[in-house]
N, C-alpha and C. Protein backbone atom coordinates (compact mmCIF):
# COMPACT_ATOMS: atom_id res chain seq x y z
N MET A 1 0.82 -1.22 -0.07
CA MET A 1 0.00 0.09 -0.05
C MET A 1 0.89 1.25 -0.03
N SER A 2 2.05 1.14 0.68
CA SER A 2 2.87 2.52 0.62
C SER A 2 3.65 2.74 -0.67
N ALA A 3 3.63 1.64 -1.40
CA ALA A 3 4.29 1.91 -2.82
C ALA A 3 3.29 2.70 -3.77
N VAL A 4 2.01 2.41 -3.55
CA VAL A 4 0.96 3.22 -4.34
C VAL A 4 0.97 4.63 -3.93
N ILE A 5 1.18 4.90 -2.71
CA ILE A 5 1.03 6.26 -2.17
C ILE A 5 2.36 7.05 -2.50
N LEU A 6 3.45 6.37 -2.74
CA LEU A 6 4.75 7.08 -3.01
C LEU A 6 4.90 7.15 -4.56
N ALA A 7 4.02 6.53 -5.41
CA ALA A 7 4.33 6.61 -6.86
C ALA A 7 4.23 7.96 -7.36
N PRO A 8 3.19 8.83 -6.99
CA PRO A 8 3.14 10.16 -7.47
C PRO A 8 4.37 11.07 -7.25
N PHE A 9 5.05 10.73 -6.08
CA PHE A 9 6.20 11.52 -5.78
C PHE A 9 7.45 11.12 -6.69
N GLY A 10 7.40 9.98 -7.34
CA GLY A 10 8.35 9.53 -8.39
C GLY A 10 8.00 10.20 -9.72
N THR A 11 6.70 10.38 -9.96
CA THR A 11 6.29 10.93 -11.24
C THR A 11 6.55 12.34 -11.26
N LEU A 12 6.33 13.14 -10.33
CA LEU A 12 6.46 14.58 -10.35
C LEU A 12 7.84 14.99 -10.71
N PRO A 13 8.97 14.48 -10.21
CA PRO A 13 10.29 14.90 -10.70
C PRO A 13 10.56 14.57 -12.17
N PHE A 14 10.08 13.33 -12.52
CA PHE A 14 10.14 12.91 -14.00
C PHE A 14 9.40 13.83 -14.83
N LEU A 15 8.22 14.32 -14.53
CA LEU A 15 7.35 15.35 -15.41
C LEU A 15 8.06 16.74 -15.27
N ALA A 16 8.63 17.05 -14.22
CA ALA A 16 9.25 18.33 -14.00
C ALA A 16 10.55 18.31 -14.97
N THR A 17 11.36 17.33 -14.97
CA THR A 17 12.54 17.23 -15.75
C THR A 17 12.15 17.25 -17.28
N LEU A 18 11.00 16.48 -17.68
CA LEU A 18 10.63 16.45 -19.02
C LEU A 18 10.18 17.87 -19.51
N TRP A 19 9.42 18.62 -18.66
CA TRP A 19 8.98 20.05 -18.96
C TRP A 19 10.19 20.91 -19.04
N LEU A 20 11.32 20.67 -18.21
CA LEU A 20 12.46 21.59 -18.35
C LEU A 20 13.24 21.17 -19.65
N LEU A 21 13.29 20.01 -20.09
CA LEU A 21 13.96 19.72 -21.29
C LEU A 21 13.19 20.28 -22.50
N VAL A 22 11.85 20.28 -22.57
CA VAL A 22 11.09 20.91 -23.56
C VAL A 22 11.21 22.37 -23.58
N VAL A 23 11.28 23.05 -22.41
CA VAL A 23 11.52 24.47 -22.40
C VAL A 23 12.88 24.89 -22.98
N LEU A 24 13.92 24.19 -22.51
CA LEU A 24 15.27 24.41 -22.97
C LEU A 24 15.35 24.14 -24.52
N GLY A 25 14.76 23.07 -24.97
CA GLY A 25 14.83 22.77 -26.41
C GLY A 25 14.16 23.77 -27.30
N ALA A 26 13.00 24.34 -26.71
CA ALA A 26 12.39 25.41 -27.41
C ALA A 26 13.13 26.70 -27.54
N LYS A 27 13.91 26.90 -26.52
CA LYS A 27 14.74 28.08 -26.37
C LYS A 27 15.91 27.92 -27.38
N VAL A 28 16.45 26.87 -27.46
CA VAL A 28 17.65 26.57 -28.41
C VAL A 28 17.08 26.70 -29.88
N LEU A 29 15.94 26.12 -30.11
CA LEU A 29 15.36 26.20 -31.49
C LEU A 29 15.06 27.69 -31.87
N GLU A 30 14.56 28.38 -30.86
CA GLU A 30 14.24 29.82 -31.17
C GLU A 30 15.47 30.59 -31.45
N GLU A 31 16.62 30.41 -30.85
CA GLU A 31 17.83 31.13 -31.08
C GLU A 31 18.57 30.72 -32.29
N SER A 32 18.56 29.31 -32.62
CA SER A 32 19.41 28.85 -33.74
C SER A 32 18.70 27.99 -34.61
N GLY A 33 17.29 28.11 -34.70
CA GLY A 33 16.55 27.29 -35.55
C GLY A 33 16.86 27.54 -36.95
N ALA A 34 17.14 28.80 -37.44
CA ALA A 34 17.38 29.09 -38.83
C ALA A 34 18.72 28.48 -39.29
N LYS A 35 19.71 28.46 -38.34
CA LYS A 35 20.99 27.83 -38.66
C LYS A 35 20.82 26.35 -38.89
N ILE A 36 20.07 25.67 -37.94
CA ILE A 36 19.86 24.37 -37.98
C ILE A 36 19.20 23.87 -39.25
N ALA A 37 18.18 24.63 -39.62
CA ALA A 37 17.43 24.42 -40.87
C ALA A 37 18.23 24.46 -42.17
N ALA A 38 19.13 25.56 -42.10
CA ALA A 38 19.96 25.74 -43.26
C ALA A 38 21.00 24.70 -43.34
N ALA A 39 21.42 24.21 -42.22
CA ALA A 39 22.51 23.00 -42.29
C ALA A 39 21.94 21.85 -42.69
N LEU A 40 20.63 21.58 -42.38
CA LEU A 40 19.96 20.40 -42.79
C LEU A 40 19.65 20.47 -44.32
N LYS A 41 19.34 21.63 -44.76
CA LYS A 41 19.19 21.78 -46.18
C LYS A 41 20.45 21.73 -46.92
N GLY A 42 21.49 21.93 -46.42
CA GLY A 42 22.85 21.99 -47.13
C GLY A 42 23.17 23.37 -47.71
N ALA A 43 22.27 24.36 -47.32
CA ALA A 43 22.50 25.79 -47.90
C ALA A 43 23.15 26.58 -46.77
N PRO A 44 24.00 27.54 -47.26
CA PRO A 44 24.56 28.38 -46.33
C PRO A 44 23.65 29.52 -45.81
N LEU A 45 23.66 29.78 -44.50
CA LEU A 45 22.85 30.86 -43.98
C LEU A 45 23.32 32.22 -44.38
N GLN A 46 22.52 32.95 -45.10
CA GLN A 46 22.88 34.31 -45.44
C GLN A 46 22.30 35.21 -44.50
N SER A 47 23.06 35.92 -43.75
CA SER A 47 22.60 36.98 -42.87
C SER A 47 23.63 38.17 -42.91
N PRO A 48 23.13 39.44 -42.72
CA PRO A 48 24.01 40.56 -42.88
C PRO A 48 25.25 40.47 -41.96
N ALA A 49 25.10 39.99 -40.77
CA ALA A 49 26.21 39.98 -39.87
C ALA A 49 27.39 39.01 -40.29
N ASP A 50 26.87 37.82 -40.99
CA ASP A 50 27.95 36.84 -41.37
C ASP A 50 28.68 37.36 -42.63
N THR A 51 28.07 38.16 -43.49
CA THR A 51 28.73 38.46 -44.82
C THR A 51 29.75 39.51 -44.58
N HIS A 52 29.64 40.33 -43.52
CA HIS A 52 30.72 41.43 -43.44
C HIS A 52 31.71 41.17 -42.37
N SER A 53 31.66 40.19 -41.60
CA SER A 53 32.49 39.98 -40.46
C SER A 53 33.61 39.10 -40.93
N ARG A 54 34.93 39.79 -40.51
CA ARG A 54 36.15 39.09 -40.90
C ARG A 54 37.12 39.01 -39.75
N VAL A 55 37.58 37.97 -39.56
CA VAL A 55 38.51 37.66 -38.41
C VAL A 55 39.93 37.42 -38.92
N SER A 56 40.87 38.11 -38.54
CA SER A 56 42.35 37.70 -39.00
C SER A 56 43.06 37.49 -37.66
N CYS A 57 43.79 36.45 -37.83
CA CYS A 57 44.78 36.12 -36.64
C CYS A 57 46.14 36.18 -37.04
N ARG A 58 47.01 36.98 -36.20
CA ARG A 58 48.36 36.94 -36.50
C ARG A 58 49.13 36.38 -35.42
N VAL A 59 49.98 35.49 -35.90
CA VAL A 59 50.86 34.66 -34.97
C VAL A 59 52.29 34.98 -35.21
N ARG A 60 52.91 35.29 -34.11
CA ARG A 60 54.36 35.65 -34.19
C ARG A 60 55.08 34.31 -33.86
N THR A 61 55.93 33.89 -34.78
CA THR A 61 56.80 32.70 -34.54
C THR A 61 58.20 33.10 -34.18
N GLU A 62 58.85 32.38 -33.33
CA GLU A 62 60.28 32.53 -32.91
C GLU A 62 61.13 31.96 -34.05
N ILE A 63 62.12 32.81 -34.35
CA ILE A 63 63.07 32.37 -35.33
C ILE A 63 64.30 31.85 -34.49
N ARG A 64 64.69 30.66 -34.68
CA ARG A 64 65.87 30.23 -33.96
C ARG A 64 67.05 30.08 -34.89
N ARG A 65 68.12 30.59 -34.65
CA ARG A 65 69.30 30.49 -35.48
C ARG A 65 69.94 29.13 -35.19
N ALA A 66 70.54 28.60 -36.25
CA ALA A 66 71.27 27.32 -36.08
C ALA A 66 72.53 27.61 -35.36
N THR A 67 72.87 26.84 -34.40
CA THR A 67 74.05 26.88 -33.53
C THR A 67 75.10 26.03 -34.18
N PRO A 68 76.26 26.52 -34.48
CA PRO A 68 77.33 25.62 -34.98
C PRO A 68 77.70 24.54 -34.02
N ALA A 69 77.90 23.41 -34.50
CA ALA A 69 78.23 22.23 -33.69
C ALA A 69 79.76 22.32 -33.40
N ASN A 70 80.12 22.05 -32.20
CA ASN A 70 81.46 22.03 -31.94
C ASN A 70 82.03 20.62 -32.46
N VAL A 71 83.41 20.74 -32.48
CA VAL A 71 84.07 19.44 -33.14
C VAL A 71 84.03 18.40 -32.06
N GLU A 72 84.11 18.71 -30.83
CA GLU A 72 83.94 17.60 -29.72
C GLU A 72 82.65 16.97 -29.84
N TRP A 73 81.58 17.77 -30.10
CA TRP A 73 80.32 17.14 -30.05
C TRP A 73 80.03 16.28 -31.22
N ARG A 74 80.50 16.65 -32.33
CA ARG A 74 80.47 15.83 -33.43
C ARG A 74 81.27 14.47 -33.33
N ALA A 75 82.35 14.58 -32.67
CA ALA A 75 83.13 13.42 -32.38
C ALA A 75 82.48 12.42 -31.47
N ALA A 76 81.86 13.04 -30.48
CA ALA A 76 81.10 12.27 -29.43
C ALA A 76 79.76 11.53 -30.05
N ALA A 77 79.15 12.07 -31.05
CA ALA A 77 78.11 11.59 -31.69
C ALA A 77 78.54 10.36 -32.50
């Protein structure tokens, strides 16, 4: 008899979790639904923000000069 009384308390967290997943899924689809639909169709998404934004990355590399090998080091090798 106690299992029957406790069953609704197990159902409530399940339904609350399910509702939370539906709400979060709707929010994700609202924010990026157009991108997802364009990706599924295989067409690029054309938006004004994407066409004019350009990112450039500049990386400075270290230049190491070759050190001349000593005669003793060559003989040891």
